[in-house]
Amino acid sequence: MSRTEQNGAGRRRPPTIHDVAREAGVSRGTVSRVLNGGHNVSPAALDAVQSAIHRTGYTVNRHARSLITGRSDSVAFLLTEPQERFFEDPNFNVLLRGCTTALAAHDIPLLLMIAGTEAERRRNMRYIAGHVDGVLLVSSHSGDPVAAQLHEAGVPLVACGKPPGQGSKVSYVAADDLGGARDMVRYLYESGRRRIATVAGPLDTPGGVERLAGYRATLAECGLPYDEALVVPGDYSRAGGEAAASLLLERAPDIDAVFVGSDLMAQGVLAALERAGRRVPQDVAVGGFDDSPAALAARPELTTVRQPWDRISSEMVRVLLAQIGGEDPAAVILPTELVRRDSA
């Protein structure tokens, strides 16, 4: 049929879900399931309905549907960090873009919410209840109550990284932080480095803890002692990485490699090494983590561990939509990849 149809009075009316079903050759219920996330729909039926929607020009009346279903057809991207971190750390932008793209395939808008202070958390929690169908939670710290509060309120939730202290109660999608750290430290060892230091991520985050554990385990496997003087935690910022590297050079001027818990911190490590007159990688090799745009902007370009950001974002959306549809919480851990460049 055409994109509009005339009614008895000669006025054009917009296409309805019944028109889409007739055009696709499926039931109205199948069209409804496609519009609500595509669960329990065969690939052939999904393609037929999506093609029919395009041909008819059908659009969802979101207000009417929300009155019927009790859903808002929107999702929140909740970042529990100060606002300046969102603009400084490229990982957040990459993740936001990927989640937006994945949700767009389901015609669901994404709301960006930042809750770096207690007042912001309270305001956001008041808004979330009744205004969004679920939350993509980014950057959980130990002691942060947001994940527990959302869970207790019955709000579908998927975290990026395992939320501290939540066990199996909260869905999460994470890169293999432990395995990625092991790969990097083993690579540094096999390239001849023996005084391998680390600038760890924040130790109140799951990523910081797991990457430090991978560093420590691989030192033991390689027969190298674990030395507290070679470990300085950072805060995932460039300035934090620079300050941590300066402290490492004071404590242990003979270091010949640094595994850094993020690419942005690694930029700061490179600045500190340059100021101290150390050549990279000739004197000190530097390995990062993330394979964010910061890795390519660094000089020299960073050898790093790639997190599969596209898969992380698409899996977060998939798990969240499944949970909104009534499925149980799930945990997904995705493999990382060592990327060799010029810094190590």
C-alpha atoms as a PDB file:
ATOM      1  CA  MET A   1       0.000   0.000   0.000  1.00  0.00           C
ATOM      2  CA  SER A   2       1.077   3.650  -0.254  1.00  0.00           C
ATOM      3  CA  ARG A   3       2.478   5.541   2.707  1.00  0.00           C
ATOM      4  CA  THR A   4      -0.959   6.976   3.458  1.00  0.00           C
ATOM      5  CA  GLU A   5      -4.459   5.763   2.741  1.00  0.00           C
ATOM      6  CA  GLN A   6      -7.683   7.721   2.347  1.00  0.00           C
ATOM      7  CA  ASN A   7     -10.507   7.102   4.774  1.00  0.00           C
ATOM      8  CA  GLY A   8     -14.189   7.351   3.967  1.00  0.00           C
ATOM      9  CA  ALA A   9     -14.202  11.141   4.214  1.00  0.00           C
ATOM     10  CA  GLY A  10     -11.343  11.422   1.750  1.00  0.00           C
ATOM     11  CA  ARG A  11      -8.783  12.370   4.376  1.00  0.00           C
ATOM     12  CA  ARG A  12      -5.451  10.626   4.443  1.00  0.00           C
ATOM     13  CA  ARG A  13      -4.663   8.528   7.479  1.00  0.00           C
ATOM     14  CA  PRO A  14      -1.248   7.317   8.662  1.00  0.00           C
ATOM     15  CA  PRO A  15      -0.437   3.603   8.317  1.00  0.00           C
ATOM     16  CA  THR A  16      -1.210   1.393  11.305  1.00  0.00           C
ATOM     17  CA  ILE A  17       0.252  -1.774  12.780  1.00  0.00           C
ATOM     18  CA  HIS A  18      -2.478  -3.697  10.927  1.00  0.00           C
ATOM     19  CA  ASP A  19      -1.228  -2.262   7.621  1.00  0.00           C
ATOM     20  CA  VAL A  20       2.324  -3.339   8.464  1.00  0.00           C
ATOM     21  CA  ALA A  21       1.136  -6.870   9.325  1.00  0.00           C
ATOM     22  CA  ARG A  22      -0.819  -7.159   6.073  1.00  0.00           C
ATOM     23  CA  GLU A  23       2.113  -5.818   4.026  1.00  0.00           C
ATOM     24  CA  ALA A  24       4.572  -8.211   5.721  1.00  0.00           C
ATOM     25  CA  GLY A  25       2.245 -11.218   5.580  1.00  0.00           C
ATOM     26  CA  VAL A  26       2.535 -11.844   9.336  1.00  0.00           C
ATOM     27  CA  SER A  27       0.275 -11.520  12.355  1.00  0.00           C
ATOM     28  CA  ARG A  28      -0.244  -8.305  14.280  1.00  0.00           C
ATOM     29  CA  GLY A  29       1.375 -10.027  17.273  1.00  0.00           C
ATOM     30  CA  THR A  30       4.566 -10.648  15.282  1.00  0.00           C
ATOM     31  CA  VAL A  31       4.738  -6.960  14.336  1.00  0.00           C
ATOM     32  CA  SER A  32       4.198  -6.043  17.984  1.00  0.00           C
ATOM     33  CA  ARG A  33       7.067  -8.299  19.096  1.00  0.00           C
ATOM     34  CA  VAL A  34       9.376  -6.705  16.507  1.00  0.00           C
ATOM     35  CA  LEU A  35       8.446  -3.233  17.741  1.00  0.00           C
ATOM     36  CA  ASN A  36       9.171  -4.324  21.310  1.00  0.00           C
ATOM     37  CA  GLY A  37      12.693  -5.569  20.683  1.00  0.00           C
ATOM     38  CA  GLY A  38      12.421  -8.456  18.229  1.00  0.00           C
ATOM     39  CA  HIS A  39      12.447 -11.259  20.824  1.00  0.00           C
ATOM     40  CA  ASN A  40      11.024 -14.647  19.746  1.00  0.00           C
ATOM     41  CA  VAL A  41      10.809 -13.542  16.107  1.00  0.00           C
ATOM     42  CA  SER A  42      12.428 -15.509  13.282  1.00  0.00           C
ATOM     43  CA  PRO A  43      15.021 -13.706  11.125  1.00  0.00           C
ATOM     44  CA  ALA A  44      12.742 -14.029   8.085  1.00  0.00           C
ATOM     45  CA  ALA A  45       9.781 -12.488   9.914  1.00  0.00           C
ATOM     46  CA  LEU A  46      11.989  -9.741  11.334  1.00  0.00           C
ATOM     47  CA  ASP A  47      13.217  -8.818   7.848  1.00  0.00           C
ATOM     48  CA  ALA A  48       9.676  -8.890   6.456  1.00  0.00           C
ATOM     49  CA  VAL A  49       8.333  -6.602   9.176  1.00  0.00           C
ATOM     50  CA  GLN A  50      11.222  -4.145   8.931  1.00  0.00           C
ATOM     51  CA  SER A  51      10.789  -3.973   5.142  1.00  0.00           C
ATOM     52  CA  ALA A  52       7.047  -3.436   5.549  1.00  0.00           C
ATOM     53  CA  ILE A  53       7.629  -0.648   8.057  1.00  0.00           C
ATOM     54  CA  HIS A  54       9.902   1.064   5.547  1.00  0.00           C
ATOM     55  CA  ARG A  55       7.480   0.618   2.635  1.00  0.00           C
ATOM     56  CA  THR A  56       4.421   1.799   4.525  1.00  0.00           C
ATOM     57  CA  GLY A  57       6.134   4.617   6.370  1.00  0.00           C
ATOM     58  CA  TYR A  58       4.742   3.380   9.669  1.00  0.00           C
ATOM     59  CA  THR A  59       5.912   5.206  12.797  1.00  0.00           C
ATOM     60  CA  VAL A  60       5.242   4.264  16.397  1.00  0.00           C
ATOM     61  CA  ASN A  61       2.927   6.486  18.432  1.00  0.00           C
ATOM     62  CA  ARG A  62       5.155   6.410  21.487  1.00  0.00           C
ATOM     63  CA  HIS A  63       2.734   8.210  23.783  1.00  0.00           C
ATOM     64  CA  ALA A  64      -0.113   5.826  22.993  1.00  0.00           C
ATOM     65  CA  ARG A  65       2.125   2.787  23.334  1.00  0.00           C
ATOM     66  CA  SER A  66       3.517   3.943  26.671  1.00  0.00           C
ATOM     67  CA  LEU A  67      -0.017   4.289  28.032  1.00  0.00           C
ATOM     68  CA  ILE A  68      -0.751   0.698  27.014  1.00  0.00           C
ATOM     69  CA  THR A  69       2.559  -0.955  27.925  1.00  0.00           C
ATOM     70  CA  GLY A  70       3.653   1.210  30.855  1.00  0.00           C
ATOM     71  CA  ARG A  71       7.017   1.676  29.136  1.00  0.00           C
ATOM     72  CA  SER A  72       8.747   4.854  28.072  1.00  0.00           C
ATOM     73  CA  ASP A  73      10.656   3.327  25.136  1.00  0.00           C
ATOM     74  CA  SER A  74      13.828   5.081  26.264  1.00  0.00           C
ATOM     75  CA  VAL A  75      17.032   4.030  28.013  1.00  0.00           C
ATOM     76  CA  ALA A  76      19.460   5.975  30.218  1.00  0.00           C
ATOM     77  CA  PHE A  77      23.251   5.985  29.854  1.00  0.00           C
ATOM     78  CA  LEU A  78      24.263   6.773  33.443  1.00  0.00           C
ATOM     79  CA  LEU A  79      27.882   7.809  34.044  1.00  0.00           C
ATOM     80  CA  THR A  80      28.870   7.932  37.714  1.00  0.00           C
ATOM     81  CA  GLU A  81      31.874  10.212  37.201  1.00  0.00           C
ATOM     82  CA  PRO A  82      32.433  13.994  37.380  1.00  0.00           C
ATOM     83  CA  GLN A  83      31.318  15.819  34.252  1.00  0.00           C
ATOM     84  CA  GLU A  84      34.854  16.751  33.223  1.00  0.00           C
ATOM     85  CA  ARG A  85      35.793  13.057  33.015  1.00  0.00           C
ATOM     86  CA  PHE A  86      33.173  12.528  30.308  1.00  0.00           C
ATOM     87  CA  PHE A  87      34.888  15.074  28.082  1.00  0.00           C
ATOM     88  CA  GLU A  88      38.463  14.010  28.946  1.00  0.00           C
ATOM     89  CA  ASP A  89      38.264  10.221  28.699  1.00  0.00           C
ATOM     90  CA  PRO A  90      37.659   9.059  25.098  1.00  0.00           C
ATOM     91  CA  ASN A  91      36.395   5.649  26.271  1.00  0.00           C
ATOM     92  CA  PHE A  92      33.130   7.146  27.494  1.00  0.00           C
ATOM     93  CA  ASN A  93      32.438   8.800  24.148  1.00  0.00           C
ATOM     94  CA  VAL A  94      33.203   5.593  22.227  1.00  0.00           C
ATOM     95  CA  LEU A  95      30.903   3.596  24.497  1.00  0.00           C
ATOM     96  CA  LEU A  96      28.117   6.190  24.297  1.00  0.00           C
ATOM     97  CA  ARG A  97      28.296   6.242  20.501  1.00  0.00           C
ATOM     98  CA  GLY A  98      28.167   2.441  20.305  1.00  0.00           C
ATOM     99  CA  CYS A  99      25.189   2.167  22.661  1.00  0.00           C
ATOM    100  CA  THR A 100      23.340   4.916  20.770  1.00  0.00           C
ATOM    101  CA  THR A 101      23.885   3.077  17.482  1.00  0.00           C
ATOM    102  CA  ALA A 102      22.783  -0.279  18.910  1.00  0.00           C
ATOM    103  CA  LEU A 103      19.603   1.213  20.385  1.00  0.00           C
ATOM    104  CA  ALA A 104      18.831   3.107  17.175  1.00  0.00           C
ATOM    105  CA  ALA A 105      18.395  -0.256  15.446  1.00  0.00           C
ATOM    106  CA  HIS A 106      15.422  -0.756  17.798  1.00  0.00           C
ATOM    107  CA  ASP A 107      14.210   2.857  17.415  1.00  0.00           C
ATOM    108  CA  ILE A 108      14.951   3.547  21.095  1.00  0.00           C
ATOM    109  CA  PRO A 109      16.465   6.887  22.157  1.00  0.00           C
ATOM    110  CA  LEU A 110      19.292   7.096  24.684  1.00  0.00           C
ATOM    111  CA  LEU A 111      19.410   9.694  27.458  1.00  0.00           C
ATOM    112  CA  LEU A 112      22.838  10.751  28.747  1.00  0.00           C
ATOM    113  CA  MET A 113      22.853  11.252  32.524  1.00  0.00           C
ATOM    114  CA  ILE A 114      25.877  12.161  34.643  1.00  0.00           C
ATOM    115  CA  ALA A 115      25.927  11.478  38.378  1.00  0.00           C
ATOM    116  CA  GLY A 116      29.337  12.428  39.737  1.00  0.00           C
ATOM    117  CA  THR A 117      28.046  13.960  42.968  1.00  0.00           C
ATOM    118  CA  GLU A 118      25.562  12.889  45.613  1.00  0.00           C
ATOM    119  CA  ALA A 119      23.129  15.633  44.553  1.00  0.00           C
ATOM    120  CA  GLU A 120      23.329  14.519  40.914  1.00  0.00           C
ATOM    121  CA  ARG A 121      22.748  10.907  41.955  1.00  0.00           C
ATOM    122  CA  ARG A 122      19.610  11.840  43.900  1.00  0.00           C
ATOM    123  CA  ARG A 123      18.196  13.878  41.008  1.00  0.00           C
ATOM    124  CA  ASN A 124      18.923  11.169  38.465  1.00  0.00           C
ATOM    125  CA  MET A 125      17.454   8.401  40.609  1.00  0.00           C
ATOM    126  CA  ARG A 126      14.224  10.400  41.007  1.00  0.00           C
ATOM    127  CA  TYR A 127      14.012  10.867  37.243  1.00  0.00           C
ATOM    128  CA  ILE A 128      14.885   7.299  36.275  1.00  0.00           C
ATOM    129  CA  ALA A 129      11.968   5.793  38.198  1.00  0.00           C
ATOM    130  CA  GLY A 130       9.051   5.943  35.770  1.00  0.00           C
ATOM    131  CA  HIS A 131      10.841   7.792  32.951  1.00  0.00           C
ATOM    132  CA  VAL A 132      13.156   5.172  31.405  1.00  0.00           C
ATOM    133  CA  ASP A 133      12.803   1.440  30.832  1.00  0.00           C
ATOM    134  CA  GLY A 134      16.358   0.556  31.828  1.00  0.00           C
ATOM    135  CA  VAL A 135      19.836   1.858  32.598  1.00  0.00           C
ATOM    136  CA  LEU A 136      23.264   1.317  31.052  1.00  0.00           C
ATOM    137  CA  LEU A 137      25.544   2.011  34.025  1.00  0.00           C
ATOM    138  CA  VAL A 138      29.111   3.113  33.360  1.00  0.00           C
ATOM    139  CA  SER A 139      32.038   3.381  35.803  1.00  0.00           C
ATOM    140  CA  SER A 140      31.076   1.785  39.116  1.00  0.00           C
ATOM    141  CA  HIS A 141      33.253   2.360  42.182  1.00  0.00           C
ATOM    142  CA  SER A 142      33.291   0.443  45.463  1.00  0.00           C
ATOM    143  CA  GLY A 143      30.869   2.099  47.844  1.00  0.00           C
ATOM    144  CA  ASP A 144      28.857   3.676  45.023  1.00  0.00           C
ATOM    145  CA  PRO A 145      25.204   2.913  45.876  1.00  0.00           C
ATOM    146  CA  VAL A 146      23.729   3.470  42.402  1.00  0.00           C
ATOM    147  CA  ALA A 147      23.765  -0.160  41.174  1.00  0.00           C
ATOM    148  CA  ALA A 148      22.233  -1.424  44.411  1.00  0.00           C
ATOM    149  CA  GLN A 149      19.597   1.324  44.429  1.00  0.00           C
ATOM    150  CA  LEU A 150      18.569   0.618  40.847  1.00  0.00           C
ATOM    151  CA  HIS A 151      18.409  -3.114  41.544  1.00  0.00           C
ATOM    152  CA  GLU A 152      16.300  -2.590  44.667  1.00  0.00           C
ATOM    153  CA  ALA A 153      13.963  -0.287  42.723  1.00  0.00           C
ATOM    154  CA  GLY A 154      13.423  -3.016  40.120  1.00  0.00           C
ATOM    155  CA  VAL A 155      14.936  -0.982  37.270  1.00  0.00           C
ATOM    156  CA  PRO A 156      16.493  -3.195  34.558  1.00  0.00           C
ATOM    157  CA  LEU A 157      20.217  -2.538  34.636  1.00  0.00           C
ATOM    158  CA  VAL A 158      23.381  -3.535  32.778  1.00  0.00           C
ATOM    159  CA  ALA A 159      26.767  -2.329  33.998  1.00  0.00           C
ATOM    160  CA  CYS A 160      29.917  -1.835  31.967  1.00  0.00           C
ATOM    161  CA  GLY A 161      32.289  -3.904  34.072  1.00  0.00           C
ATOM    162  CA  LYS A 162      31.323  -5.979  37.091  1.00  0.00           C
ATOM    163  CA  PRO A 163      29.699  -3.736  39.724  1.00  0.00           C
ATOM    164  CA  PRO A 164      31.629  -4.110  43.005  1.00  0.00           C
ATOM    165  CA  GLY A 165      29.785  -6.145  45.610  1.00  0.00           C
ATOM    166  CA  GLN A 166      26.746  -6.989  43.466  1.00  0.00           C
ATOM    167  CA  GLY A 167      27.591 -10.615  42.653  1.00  0.00           C
ATOM    168  CA  SER A 168      25.091 -12.178  40.251  1.00  0.00           C
ATOM    169  CA  LYS A 169      22.268  -9.739  41.071  1.00  0.00           C
ATOM    170  CA  VAL A 170      23.210  -7.208  38.368  1.00  0.00           C
ATOM    171  CA  SER A 171      23.867  -7.860  34.684  1.00  0.00           C
ATOM    172  CA  TYR A 172      27.201  -6.714  33.345  1.00  0.00           C
ATOM    173  CA  VAL A 173      29.355  -6.768  30.226  1.00  0.00           C
ATOM    174  CA  ALA A 174      33.125  -6.513  30.608  1.00  0.00           C
ATOM    175  CA  ALA A 175      36.362  -6.997  28.753  1.00  0.00           C
ATOM    176  CA  ASP A 176      38.719  -9.661  30.078  1.00  0.00           C
ATOM    177  CA  ASP A 177      40.762  -7.233  32.185  1.00  0.00           C
ATOM    178  CA  LEU A 178      42.724  -9.999  33.889  1.00  0.00           C
ATOM    179  CA  GLY A 179      43.648 -11.742  30.635  1.00  0.00           C
ATOM    180  CA  GLY A 180      44.495  -8.496  28.862  1.00  0.00           C
ATOM    181  CA  ALA A 181      46.870  -7.437  31.629  1.00  0.00           C
ATOM    182  CA  ARG A 182      48.552 -10.842  31.586  1.00  0.00           C
ATOM    183  CA  ASP A 183      49.095 -10.588  27.828  1.00  0.00           C
ATOM    184  CA  MET A 184      50.742  -7.176  28.129  1.00  0.00           C
ATOM    185  CA  VAL A 185      53.043  -8.051  31.021  1.00  0.00           C
ATOM    186  CA  ARG A 186      54.077 -11.302  29.348  1.00  0.00           C
ATOM    187  CA  TYR A 187      54.847  -9.378  26.140  1.00  0.00           C
ATOM    188  CA  LEU A 188      57.019  -6.885  28.050  1.00  0.00           C
ATOM    189  CA  TYR A 189      58.872  -9.754  29.744  1.00  0.00           C
ATOM    190  CA  GLU A 190      59.423 -11.615  26.475  1.00  0.00           C
ATOM    191  CA  SER A 191      60.849  -8.440  24.927  1.00  0.00           C
ATOM    192  CA  GLY A 192      63.618  -8.520  27.547  1.00  0.00           C
ATOM    193  CA  ARG A 193      62.224  -6.225  30.268  1.00  0.00           C
ATOM    194  CA  ARG A 194      62.880  -7.230  33.859  1.00  0.00           C
ATOM    195  CA  ARG A 195      62.027  -4.181  36.007  1.00  0.00           C
ATOM    196  CA  ILE A 196      58.381  -3.918  35.006  1.00  0.00           C
ATOM    197  CA  ALA A 197      56.398  -1.320  36.939  1.00  0.00           C
ATOM    198  CA  THR A 198      52.698  -0.553  36.707  1.00  0.00           C
ATOM    199  CA  VAL A 199      50.484   2.494  36.954  1.00  0.00           C
ATOM    200  CA  ALA A 200      47.298   0.735  38.003  1.00  0.00           C
ATOM    201  CA  GLY A 201      43.747   1.921  37.561  1.00  0.00           C
ATOM    202  CA  PRO A 202      41.710   3.029  40.596  1.00  0.00           C
ATOM    203  CA  LEU A 203      41.630   0.167  43.062  1.00  0.00           C
ATOM    204  CA  ASP A 204      37.979   0.844  43.902  1.00  0.00           C
ATOM    205  CA  THR A 205      36.985  -0.187  40.360  1.00  0.00           C
ATOM    206  CA  PRO A 206      36.752  -3.763  39.031  1.00  0.00           C
ATOM    207  CA  GLY A 207      38.984  -2.929  36.055  1.00  0.00           C
ATOM    208  CA  GLY A 208      41.701  -1.479  38.272  1.00  0.00           C
ATOM    209  CA  VAL A 209      41.660  -4.508  40.559  1.00  0.00           C
ATOM    210  CA  GLU A 210      41.594  -7.107  37.757  1.00  0.00           C
ATOM    211  CA  ARG A 211      44.399  -5.499  35.735  1.00  0.00           C
ATOM    212  CA  LEU A 212      46.613  -5.271  38.817  1.00  0.00           C
ATOM    213  CA  ALA A 213      45.876  -8.931  39.584  1.00  0.00           C
ATOM    214  CA  GLY A 214      46.895  -9.865  36.025  1.00  0.00           C
ATOM    215  CA  TYR A 215      50.135  -7.896  36.374  1.00  0.00           C
ATOM    216  CA  ARG A 216      50.971  -9.576  39.667  1.00  0.00           C
ATOM    217  CA  ALA A 217      50.123 -13.112  38.483  1.00  0.00           C
ATOM    218  CA  THR A 218      52.239 -12.779  35.346  1.00  0.00           C
ATOM    219  CA  LEU A 219      55.263 -11.503  37.262  1.00  0.00           C
ATOM    220  CA  ALA A 220      55.060 -14.649  39.374  1.00  0.00           C
ATOM    221  CA  GLU A 221      54.763 -16.859  36.271  1.00  0.00           C
ATOM    222  CA  CYS A 222      57.855 -15.193  34.821  1.00  0.00           C
ATOM    223  CA  GLY A 223      59.846 -15.621  38.040  1.00  0.00           C
ATOM    224  CA  LEU A 224      59.949 -11.907  38.818  1.00  0.00           C
ATOM    225  CA  PRO A 225      59.354 -10.646  42.372  1.00  0.00           C
ATOM    226  CA  TYR A 226      56.368  -8.459  43.186  1.00  0.00           C
ATOM    227  CA  ASP A 227      57.692  -5.137  44.477  1.00  0.00           C
ATOM    228  CA  GLU A 228      55.276  -2.633  46.049  1.00  0.00           C
ATOM    229  CA  ALA A 229      57.652   0.164  45.050  1.00  0.00           C
ATOM    230  CA  LEU A 230      56.877  -0.606  41.404  1.00  0.00           C
ATOM    231  CA  VAL A 231      53.099  -0.200  41.829  1.00  0.00           C
ATOM    232  CA  VAL A 232      51.350   3.190  41.892  1.00  0.00           C
ATOM    233  CA  PRO A 233      47.573   3.475  41.454  1.00  0.00           C
ATOM    234  CA  GLY A 234      46.224   6.207  39.196  1.00  0.00           C
ATOM    235  CA  ASP A 235      42.805   7.651  38.421  1.00  0.00           C
ATOM    236  CA  TYR A 236      42.485   6.990  34.664  1.00  0.00           C
ATOM    237  CA  SER A 237      43.405  10.619  33.852  1.00  0.00           C
ATOM    238  CA  ARG A 238      46.420  11.951  31.942  1.00  0.00           C
ATOM    239  CA  ALA A 239      47.493  14.070  34.906  1.00  0.00           C
ATOM    240  CA  GLY A 240      47.161  11.064  37.208  1.00  0.00           C
ATOM    241  CA  GLY A 241      49.373   8.987  34.951  1.00  0.00           C
ATOM    242  CA  GLU A 242      52.033  11.684  34.830  1.00  0.00           C
ATOM    243  CA  ALA A 243      52.083  12.071  38.619  1.00  0.00           C
ATOM    244  CA  ALA A 244      52.250   8.297  39.127  1.00  0.00           C
ATOM    245  CA  ALA A 245      55.161   7.919  36.685  1.00  0.00           C
ATOM    246  CA  SER A 246      57.084  10.711  38.420  1.00  0.00           C
ATOM    247  CA  LEU A 247      56.681   8.870  41.716  1.00  0.00           C
ATOM    248  CA  LEU A 248      57.797   5.589  40.135  1.00  0.00           C
ATOM    249  CA  LEU A 249      60.973   7.214  38.795  1.00  0.00           C
ATOM    250  CA  GLU A 250      61.763   8.572  42.253  1.00  0.00           C
ATOM    251  CA  ARG A 251      61.244   5.180  43.892  1.00  0.00           C
ATOM    252  CA  ALA A 252      62.845   3.002  41.217  1.00  0.00           C
ATOM    253  CA  PRO A 253      64.933   4.916  38.645  1.00  0.00           C
ATOM    254  CA  ASP A 254      66.041   1.595  37.102  1.00  0.00           C
ATOM    255  CA  ILE A 255      62.621   0.600  35.738  1.00  0.00           C
ATOM    256  CA  ASP A 256      62.731  -0.554  32.117  1.00  0.00           C
ATOM    257  CA  ALA A 257      58.997  -0.999  31.434  1.00  0.00           C
ATOM    258  CA  VAL A 258      55.648   0.341  32.645  1.00  0.00           C
ATOM    259  CA  PHE A 259      52.296  -1.349  32.193  1.00  0.00           C
ATOM    260  CA  VAL A 260      49.666   1.395  32.436  1.00  0.00           C
ATOM    261  CA  GLY A 261      46.008   0.717  33.262  1.00  0.00           C
ATOM    262  CA  SER A 262      44.637   3.048  30.568  1.00  0.00           C
ATOM    263  CA  ASP A 263      45.844   4.756  27.396  1.00  0.00           C
ATOM    264  CA  LEU A 264      44.992   8.198  28.755  1.00  0.00           C
ATOM    265  CA  MET A 265      47.181   7.610  31.814  1.00  0.00           C
ATOM    266  CA  ALA A 266      49.876   6.247  29.496  1.00  0.00           C
ATOM    267  CA  GLN A 267      50.004   9.632  27.748  1.00  0.00           C
ATOM    268  CA  GLY A 268      50.892  11.139  31.128  1.00  0.00           C
ATOM    269  CA  VAL A 269      53.512   8.433  31.720  1.00  0.00           C
ATOM    270  CA  LEU A 270      55.140   9.282  28.378  1.00  0.00           C
ATOM    271  CA  ALA A 271      55.262  12.974  29.354  1.00  0.00           C
ATOM    272  CA  ALA A 272      56.955  12.162  32.678  1.00  0.00           C
ATOM    273  CA  LEU A 273      59.504   9.896  30.999  1.00  0.00           C
ATOM    274  CA  GLU A 274      60.317  12.539  28.398  1.00  0.00           C
ATOM    275  CA  ARG A 275      60.806  15.149  31.114  1.00  0.00           C
ATOM    276  CA  ALA A 276      63.174  12.764  32.927  1.00  0.00           C
ATOM    277  CA  GLY A 277      65.221  12.226  29.743  1.00  0.00           C
ATOM    278  CA  ARG A 278      64.137   8.589  29.286  1.00  0.00           C
ATOM    279  CA  ARG A 279      63.694   7.343  25.722  1.00  0.00           C
ATOM    280  CA  VAL A 280      60.666   5.233  24.804  1.00  0.00           C
ATOM    281  CA  PRO A 281      60.985   2.368  24.075  1.00  0.00           C
ATOM    282  CA  GLN A 282      64.808   2.246  24.140  1.00  0.00           C
ATOM    283  CA  ASP A 283      65.147   3.001  27.873  1.00  0.00           C
ATOM    284  CA  VAL A 284      61.630   2.321  29.118  1.00  0.00           C
ATOM    285  CA  ALA A 285      58.896   0.421  27.271  1.00  0.00           C
ATOM    286  CA  VAL A 286      55.326   1.575  27.859  1.00  0.00           C
ATOM    287  CA  GLY A 287      52.190  -0.546  27.397  1.00  0.00           C
ATOM    288  CA  GLY A 288      48.664   0.803  27.764  1.00  0.00           C
ATOM    289  CA  PHE A 289      45.148  -0.570  28.001  1.00  0.00           C
ATOM    290  CA  ASP A 290      41.970   0.255  25.986  1.00  0.00           C
ATOM    291  CA  ASP A 291      43.181   1.010  22.437  1.00  0.00           C
ATOM    292  CA  SER A 292      41.281   4.292  22.655  1.00  0.00           C
ATOM    293  CA  PRO A 293      41.966   7.311  20.399  1.00  0.00           C
ATOM    294  CA  ALA A 294      44.529   8.334  23.037  1.00  0.00           C
ATOM    295  CA  ALA A 295      46.732   5.404  21.962  1.00  0.00           C
ATOM    296  CA  LEU A 296      47.067   6.741  18.418  1.00  0.00           C
ATOM    297  CA  ALA A 297      47.459  10.343  19.588  1.00  0.00           C
ATOM    298  CA  ALA A 298      50.413   9.394  21.834  1.00  0.00           C
ATOM    299  CA  ARG A 299      53.997   9.870  20.696  1.00  0.00           C
ATOM    300  CA  PRO A 300      55.264   7.278  20.181  1.00  0.00           C
ATOM    301  CA  GLU A 301      52.015   5.491  19.363  1.00  0.00           C
ATOM    302  CA  LEU A 302      51.077   3.106  22.154  1.00  0.00           C
ATOM    303  CA  THR A 303      51.407  -0.620  22.267  1.00  0.00           C
ATOM    304  CA  THR A 304      48.226  -1.441  24.135  1.00  0.00           C
ATOM    305  CA  VAL A 305      45.456  -3.914  24.945  1.00  0.00           C
ATOM    306  CA  ARG A 306      42.353  -3.469  22.811  1.00  0.00           C
ATOM    307  CA  GLN A 307      38.996  -3.549  24.494  1.00  0.00           C
ATOM    308  CA  PRO A 308      36.278  -4.548  21.976  1.00  0.00           C
ATOM    309  CA  TRP A 309      34.208  -1.403  22.491  1.00  0.00           C
ATOM    310  CA  ASP A 310      31.764  -2.100  19.653  1.00  0.00           C
ATOM    311  CA  ARG A 311      30.957  -5.533  21.048  1.00  0.00           C
ATOM    312  CA  ILE A 312      30.806  -4.243  24.624  1.00  0.00           C
ATOM    313  CA  SER A 313      28.238  -1.586  23.695  1.00  0.00           C
ATOM    314  CA  SER A 314      26.141  -3.900  21.504  1.00  0.00           C
ATOM    315  CA  GLU A 315      26.160  -6.633  24.170  1.00  0.00           C
ATOM    316  CA  MET A 316      25.156  -4.142  26.869  1.00  0.00           C
ATOM    317  CA  VAL A 317      22.162  -3.124  24.776  1.00  0.00           C
ATOM    318  CA  ARG A 318      21.266  -6.727  23.913  1.00  0.00           C
ATOM    319  CA  VAL A 319      21.373  -7.846  27.548  1.00  0.00           C
ATOM    320  CA  LEU A 320      19.418  -4.800  28.726  1.00  0.00           C
ATOM    321  CA  LEU A 321      16.630  -5.240  26.171  1.00  0.00           C
ATOM    322  CA  ALA A 322      16.408  -8.925  27.070  1.00  0.00           C
ATOM    323  CA  GLN A 323      16.116  -8.003  30.743  1.00  0.00           C
ATOM    324  CA  ILE A 324      13.443  -5.398  29.992  1.00  0.00           C
ATOM    325  CA  GLY A 325      11.645  -8.226  28.193  1.00  0.00           C
ATOM    326  CA  GLY A 326      11.683 -10.330  31.361  1.00  0.00           C
ATOM    327  CA  GLU A 327      14.876 -12.362  31.140  1.00  0.00           C
ATOM    328  CA  ASP A 328      17.176 -12.945  34.140  1.00  0.00           C
ATOM    329  CA  PRO A 329      20.426 -10.990  34.730  1.00  0.00           C
ATOM    330  CA  ALA A 330      23.408 -12.139  32.685  1.00  0.00           C
ATOM    331  CA  ALA A 331      27.189 -11.713  32.730  1.00  0.00           C
ATOM    332  CA  VAL A 332      29.253 -11.398  29.535  1.00  0.00           C
ATOM    333  CA  ILE A 333      33.068 -11.274  29.448  1.00  0.00           C
ATOM    334  CA  LEU A 334      34.665 -10.481  26.088  1.00  0.00           C
ATOM    335  CA  PRO A 335      38.254 -11.236  24.996  1.00  0.00           C
ATOM    336  CA  THR A 336      40.866  -8.507  24.555  1.00  0.00           C
ATOM    337  CA  GLU A 337      43.662  -8.252  21.984  1.00  0.00           C
ATOM    338  CA  LEU A 338      47.286  -7.152  22.260  1.00  0.00           C
ATOM    339  CA  VAL A 339      48.052  -4.379  19.733  1.00  0.00           C
ATOM    340  CA  ARG A 340      51.746  -3.800  18.998  1.00  0.00           C
ATOM    341  CA  ARG A 341      52.855  -0.294  18.049  1.00  0.00           C
ATOM    342  CA  ASP A 342      55.943   1.831  18.787  1.00  0.00           C
ATOM    343  CA  SER A 343      56.076   2.318  22.553  1.00  0.00           C
ATOM    344  CA  ALA A 344      57.083  -1.249  23.464  1.00  0.00           C
END
